[in-house]
Amino acid sequence: MTDLLLGGVEGGGTKFLAAVARYGDGAAPKIVDRLRIDTTDPAATLGPVAEWLAAHDLAGLGIATFGPLDLETGKVGDTPKPGWSGADVVGTLTAAFDTPPPTAFDTDVNGAGLGEWRWGAAQETKVALYLSVGTGIGGGAFIGGRPLHGLGHPEMGHISVPRHPQDDHATVCAVHTTCLEGMASGLALSARGGGPPEQLGDDDPVWEFEIHYLAHGLADLALVLSPEIIVIGGGVMQRPDLLQRVSDRLDEILDGYVATPRVTHPHFGQEAGLMGALVLAESIASNQ
């Protein structure tokens, strides 16, 4: 495979990122152009991205976006994000091409995890997890480099976690009473702390709750899936020392019953999702 031009799109709750990259030697693609569009309604968000992508002669296109998703149809599932339920992401993003390129579609967290497995922190692992802790929480499992799919895609942000004995704050999840997202997402931190997580002091008691919930969620996932590594990204994890404190608490919870997996930041940082979209593009292009 020599010098392919790949397209990648990462769709998030606040912004869509698109990139065009050259790929040909097995190393991570080199991004040669990129675009950022604020996430508003589907037409205003996806339309400009589609026009921008269609100006490039792509050998493959990878799309990794927020869910829940219908992976068979390329559409967003039933989501609380206004206007996005049923949005035809794949159809809209490929509509401007004269001949649409081969296109692969998955969740944003599966994309980020694939990027870390292919070229980043999770290389050469048999089982890896990727968790994003931002406005919401989502995760993906990777077995032999393949994302785990079953009836759909995993919803790791909605596993149940035990309530901290000093925490009497209500969940921010509209569906579950004590799920990981409802208790530990950026929205949960903002609700408890009265402001955005980045404005909360290091000694604010909400961080003890955050460590408790994240560590218990990771423990459950580790016991079920036995990963060698857990890569944790997302804006909340930019807090200094938070990842190490969560890893230490995870070790305490597992208490030697099973080996504690390595817990680390993504190699690609905030670019993990975009790199993962390019993995999807590389994979679909190489199979043509």
Protein backbone atom coordinates (compact mmCIF):
# COMPACT_ATOMS: atom_id res chain seq x y z
CA MET A 1 0.00 0.00 0.00
CA THR A 2 1.63 3.25 -1.10
CA ASP A 3 0.73 6.82 -0.30
CA LEU A 4 -3.03 6.50 0.18
CA LEU A 5 -5.09 9.56 0.99
CA LEU A 6 -7.37 8.76 3.92
CA GLY A 7 -10.20 10.74 5.46
CA GLY A 8 -11.23 10.64 9.11
CA VAL A 9 -14.11 12.23 11.01
CA GLU A 10 -14.49 12.33 14.79
CA GLY A 11 -17.92 13.45 15.92
CA GLY A 12 -18.32 14.74 19.46
CA GLY A 13 -21.01 16.43 21.46
CA THR A 14 -19.39 19.86 21.11
CA LYS A 15 -17.40 19.62 17.86
CA PHE A 16 -16.77 17.56 14.74
CA LEU A 17 -13.16 17.16 13.62
CA ALA A 18 -12.20 16.03 10.14
CA ALA A 19 -8.78 15.24 8.76
CA VAL A 20 -7.15 14.13 5.54
CA ALA A 21 -3.93 12.18 5.94
CA ARG A 22 -1.35 10.42 3.82
CA TYR A 23 -0.59 6.80 4.65
CA GLY A 24 1.75 4.32 3.08
CA ASP A 25 4.51 2.88 5.26
CA GLY A 26 2.60 1.30 8.16
CA ALA A 27 3.34 4.17 10.56
CA ALA A 28 0.65 6.52 11.76
CA PRO A 29 -0.79 8.61 8.92
CA LYS A 30 0.48 12.13 8.45
CA ILE A 31 -2.36 14.64 8.63
CA VAL A 32 -2.08 17.14 5.78
CA ASP A 33 -5.34 19.08 6.25
CA ARG A 34 -8.01 19.37 8.92
CA LEU A 35 -11.36 20.99 9.72
CA ARG A 36 -13.28 21.81 12.90
CA ILE A 37 -17.04 22.45 13.02
CA ASP A 38 -19.10 23.12 16.14
CA THR A 39 -21.76 20.49 16.80
CA THR A 40 -25.17 22.10 16.41
CA ASP A 41 -27.97 20.47 14.40
CA PRO A 42 -27.16 17.64 11.96
CA ALA A 43 -27.54 19.64 8.75
CA ALA A 44 -25.45 22.59 9.90
CA THR A 45 -22.79 20.30 11.32
CA LEU A 46 -22.52 17.51 8.77
CA GLY A 47 -23.09 19.53 5.59
CA PRO A 48 -19.87 21.60 5.70
CA VAL A 49 -17.85 18.52 6.68
CA ALA A 50 -19.29 16.60 3.72
CA GLU A 51 -18.40 19.38 1.26
CA TRP A 52 -14.88 19.63 2.66
CA LEU A 53 -14.30 15.87 2.45
CA ALA A 54 -15.60 15.68 -1.12
CA ALA A 55 -12.85 18.05 -2.28
CA HIS A 56 -10.33 15.26 -1.65
CA ASP A 57 -9.75 12.04 -3.60
CA LEU A 58 -9.99 9.60 -0.69
CA ALA A 59 -9.09 5.91 -0.79
CA GLY A 60 -11.05 5.34 2.41
CA LEU A 61 -13.14 7.26 4.94
CA GLY A 62 -13.48 6.45 8.64
CA ILE A 63 -16.22 7.99 10.79
CA ALA A 64 -16.15 7.67 14.58
CA THR A 65 -18.92 9.57 16.32
CA PHE A 66 -20.98 9.85 19.47
CA GLY A 67 -23.83 7.40 19.94
CA PRO A 68 -25.75 5.39 20.48
CA LEU A 69 -25.34 4.29 16.88
CA ASP A 70 -26.96 1.88 14.47
CA LEU A 71 -23.81 0.42 12.96
CA GLU A 72 -25.71 -1.28 10.16
CA THR A 73 -27.44 1.84 8.81
CA GLY A 74 -24.84 4.49 9.63
CA LYS A 75 -27.34 6.47 11.67
CA VAL A 76 -27.48 7.83 15.21
CA GLY A 77 -29.82 5.90 17.48
CA ASP A 78 -32.20 7.25 20.11
CA THR A 79 -30.18 10.01 21.78
CA PRO A 80 -31.12 12.82 24.16
CA LYS A 81 -29.10 15.24 22.01
CA PRO A 82 -31.75 17.44 20.38
CA GLY A 83 -32.28 16.77 16.69
CA TRP A 84 -29.77 13.95 16.37
CA SER A 85 -31.94 10.85 16.83
CA GLY A 86 -32.00 9.09 13.47
CA ALA A 87 -29.45 11.44 11.89
CA ASP A 88 -27.93 9.75 8.81
CA VAL A 89 -24.28 10.44 9.54
CA VAL A 90 -22.73 8.17 6.90
CA GLY A 91 -25.23 9.08 4.20
CA THR A 92 -24.83 12.80 4.76
CA LEU A 93 -21.02 12.76 4.99
CA THR A 94 -20.68 10.80 1.72
CA ALA A 95 -23.45 12.51 -0.26
CA ALA A 96 -21.24 15.21 -1.80
CA PHE A 97 -18.83 12.74 -3.45
CA ASP A 98 -19.36 11.84 -7.11
CA THR A 99 -18.32 8.33 -6.10
CA PRO A 100 -18.28 7.83 -2.32
CA PRO A 101 -15.11 6.19 -0.97
CA PRO A 102 -15.26 2.92 0.98
CA THR A 103 -16.50 4.02 4.39
CA ALA A 104 -16.29 2.52 7.89
CA PHE A 105 -18.44 3.69 10.82
CA ASP A 106 -18.12 3.17 14.58
CA THR A 107 -18.42 4.95 17.91
CA ASP A 108 -16.08 7.74 18.94
CA VAL A 109 -14.66 5.67 21.80
CA ASN A 110 -14.15 2.62 19.59
CA GLY A 111 -12.34 4.87 17.15
CA ALA A 112 -10.09 6.32 19.85
CA GLY A 113 -9.33 2.85 21.20
CA LEU A 114 -8.46 1.58 17.73
CA GLY A 115 -6.06 4.49 17.27
CA GLU A 116 -4.35 3.64 20.55
CA TRP A 117 -4.18 -0.08 19.69
CA ARG A 118 -2.86 0.46 16.17
CA TRP A 119 -0.31 3.20 16.76
CA GLY A 120 -0.47 4.32 20.41
CA ALA A 121 -0.41 3.21 24.03
CA ALA A 122 -2.16 -0.17 23.56
CA GLN A 123 0.05 -1.59 20.82
CA GLU A 124 0.80 -5.34 20.97
CA THR A 125 -1.87 -6.06 23.59
CA LYS A 126 -4.34 -8.94 23.29
CA VAL A 127 -7.13 -7.25 25.27
CA ALA A 128 -7.36 -3.49 25.79
CA LEU A 129 -10.00 -1.06 27.03
CA TYR A 130 -10.49 2.56 26.09
CA LEU A 131 -12.61 4.81 28.31
CA SER A 132 -13.45 8.45 27.67
CA VAL A 133 -14.43 10.58 30.66
CA GLY A 134 -15.75 13.89 29.45
CA THR A 135 -19.20 15.45 29.29
CA GLY A 136 -20.41 11.85 29.22
CA ILE A 137 -18.63 8.51 29.64
CA GLY A 138 -18.18 5.84 27.01
CA GLY A 139 -15.87 2.93 26.43
CA GLY A 140 -14.79 0.21 24.07
CA ALA A 141 -13.12 -3.18 24.39
CA PHE A 142 -10.57 -4.43 21.85
CA ILE A 143 -9.72 -8.09 21.46
CA GLY A 144 -6.86 -8.82 19.10
CA GLY A 145 -7.27 -5.30 17.76
CA ARG A 146 -10.95 -5.74 16.93
CA PRO A 147 -13.61 -3.68 18.73
CA LEU A 148 -16.16 -5.76 20.59
CA HIS A 149 -19.57 -5.69 18.90
CA GLY A 150 -22.58 -7.82 19.76
CA LEU A 151 -26.21 -6.75 19.66
CA GLY A 152 -24.71 -3.31 19.09
CA HIS A 153 -21.75 -1.59 20.71
CA PRO A 154 -20.90 -1.58 24.44
CA GLU A 155 -22.33 1.15 26.68
CA MET A 156 -19.68 1.08 29.40
CA GLY A 157 -20.75 4.44 30.77
CA HIS A 158 -23.96 2.89 32.00
CA ILE A 159 -22.64 0.06 34.14
CA SER A 160 -23.80 0.27 37.76
CA VAL A 161 -21.36 1.50 40.41
CA PRO A 162 -21.77 1.54 44.22
CA ARG A 163 -22.72 4.91 45.67
CA HIS A 164 -20.06 6.59 47.82
CA PRO A 165 -21.32 6.59 51.44
CA GLN A 166 -20.91 10.38 51.74
CA ASP A 167 -22.42 11.22 48.35
CA ASP A 168 -26.10 12.15 48.43
CA HIS A 169 -26.18 13.97 45.09
CA ALA A 170 -28.66 12.78 42.47
CA THR A 171 -27.47 11.12 39.27
CA VAL A 172 -27.40 13.18 36.07
CA CYS A 173 -28.43 10.15 34.00
CA ALA A 174 -32.08 10.24 32.95
CA VAL A 175 -32.29 6.43 32.83
CA HIS A 176 -30.17 4.89 35.61
CA THR A 177 -29.89 5.74 39.31
CA THR A 178 -26.20 4.93 39.90
CA CYS A 179 -24.49 4.37 36.57
CA LEU A 180 -20.90 5.42 35.93
CA GLU A 181 -21.87 8.26 33.58
CA GLY A 182 -24.57 9.53 35.90
CA MET A 183 -22.17 9.68 38.86
CA ALA A 184 -18.75 10.47 37.35
CA SER A 185 -19.14 12.30 34.04
CA GLY A 186 -18.20 15.92 33.54
CA LEU A 187 -21.89 16.79 33.88
CA ALA A 188 -22.01 14.97 37.24
CA LEU A 189 -18.92 16.84 38.45
CA SER A 190 -20.43 20.17 37.39
CA ALA A 191 -23.70 19.37 39.15
CA ARG A 192 -21.93 18.48 42.42
CA GLY A 193 -19.32 21.22 42.33
CA GLY A 194 -21.50 24.04 41.04
CA GLY A 195 -19.25 24.79 38.08
CA PRO A 196 -17.19 23.26 35.24
CA PRO A 197 -14.71 20.56 36.39
CA GLU A 198 -11.73 22.63 35.27
CA GLN A 199 -12.74 25.36 37.74
CA LEU A 200 -12.92 23.04 40.75
CA GLY A 201 -9.99 23.13 43.18
CA ASP A 202 -7.72 20.13 43.66
CA ASP A 203 -8.92 19.82 47.27
CA ASP A 204 -12.63 19.93 46.38
CA PRO A 205 -14.38 16.86 47.90
CA VAL A 206 -16.00 16.04 44.55
CA TRP A 207 -12.69 14.53 43.40
CA GLU A 208 -12.90 11.84 46.09
CA PHE A 209 -16.31 10.87 44.69
CA GLU A 210 -14.89 10.89 41.17
CA ILE A 211 -12.02 8.58 42.12
CA HIS A 212 -14.41 6.24 43.91
CA TYR A 213 -16.78 5.88 40.97
CA LEU A 214 -14.15 5.62 38.25
CA ALA A 215 -12.12 3.05 40.16
CA HIS A 216 -15.17 0.88 40.88
CA GLY A 217 -16.24 1.10 37.24
CA LEU A 218 -12.78 0.08 36.07
CA ALA A 219 -12.72 -2.78 38.57
CA ASP A 220 -15.96 -4.21 37.18
CA LEU A 221 -14.69 -3.92 33.61
CA ALA A 222 -11.33 -5.43 34.55
CA LEU A 223 -12.97 -8.42 36.26
CA VAL A 224 -15.22 -9.12 33.27
CA LEU A 225 -12.82 -8.49 30.38
CA SER A 226 -9.34 -9.02 31.89
CA PRO A 227 -7.61 -6.26 29.91
CA GLU A 228 -3.86 -5.82 29.91
CA ILE A 229 -4.23 -2.07 29.63
CA ILE A 230 -6.93 0.54 30.23
CA VAL A 231 -6.44 3.78 28.31
CA ILE A 232 -8.47 6.68 29.73
CA GLY A 233 -8.99 9.87 27.77
CA GLY A 234 -11.46 12.74 27.81
CA GLY A 235 -11.40 16.25 29.22
CA VAL A 236 -12.00 15.31 32.86
CA MET A 237 -8.83 13.21 32.87
CA GLN A 238 -6.70 16.28 32.16
CA ARG A 239 -6.82 16.99 35.91
CA PRO A 240 -3.27 16.48 37.29
CA ASP A 241 -2.82 13.30 39.36
CA LEU A 242 -6.39 12.10 38.77
CA LEU A 243 -5.38 9.15 36.63
CA GLN A 244 -2.74 7.99 39.14
CA ARG A 245 -5.18 8.29 42.04
CA VAL A 246 -7.80 6.29 40.14
CA SER A 247 -5.21 3.63 39.28
CA ASP A 248 -4.13 3.39 42.94
CA ARG A 249 -7.75 3.03 44.09
CA LEU A 250 -8.37 0.37 41.44
CA ASP A 251 -5.44 -1.59 42.82
CA GLU A 252 -6.94 -1.34 46.32
CA ILE A 253 -10.34 -2.53 45.13
CA LEU A 254 -8.98 -5.52 43.21
CA ASP A 255 -6.77 -6.28 46.24
CA GLY A 256 -4.63 -8.86 44.46
CA TYR A 257 -7.55 -11.10 43.49
CA VAL A 258 -6.59 -10.48 39.86
CA ALA A 259 -3.65 -8.57 38.44
CA THR A 260 -4.29 -4.84 38.15
CA PRO A 261 -4.15 -3.73 34.51
CA ARG A 262 -1.94 -0.83 33.55
CA VAL A 263 -3.91 2.43 33.46
CA THR A 264 -2.60 5.20 31.23
CA HIS A 265 -3.43 8.33 29.28
CA PRO A 266 -3.83 7.99 25.49
CA HIS A 267 -0.63 8.36 23.50
CA PHE A 268 -2.47 10.64 21.08
CA GLY A 269 -4.13 12.70 23.80
CA GLN A 270 -7.12 14.65 22.54
CA GLU A 271 -6.32 13.46 18.98
CA ALA A 272 -7.01 9.78 19.79
CA GLY A 273 -10.48 9.81 18.27
CA LEU A 274 -9.30 11.38 15.04
CA MET A 275 -6.44 8.89 14.73
CA GLY A 276 -8.94 6.11 15.33
CA ALA A 277 -11.14 7.37 12.50
CA LEU A 278 -8.07 7.13 10.27
CA VAL A 279 -7.55 3.52 11.44
CA LEU A 280 -11.08 2.78 10.26
CA ALA A 281 -10.27 4.45 6.93
CA GLU A 282 -7.02 2.50 6.55
CA SER A 283 -8.76 -0.77 7.32
CA ILE A 284 -11.59 -0.29 4.82
CA ALA A 285 -9.21 1.00 2.13
CA SER A 286 -6.83 -1.96 2.52
CA ASN A 287 -9.69 -4.44 2.08
CA GLN A 288 -10.70 -3.07 -1.30
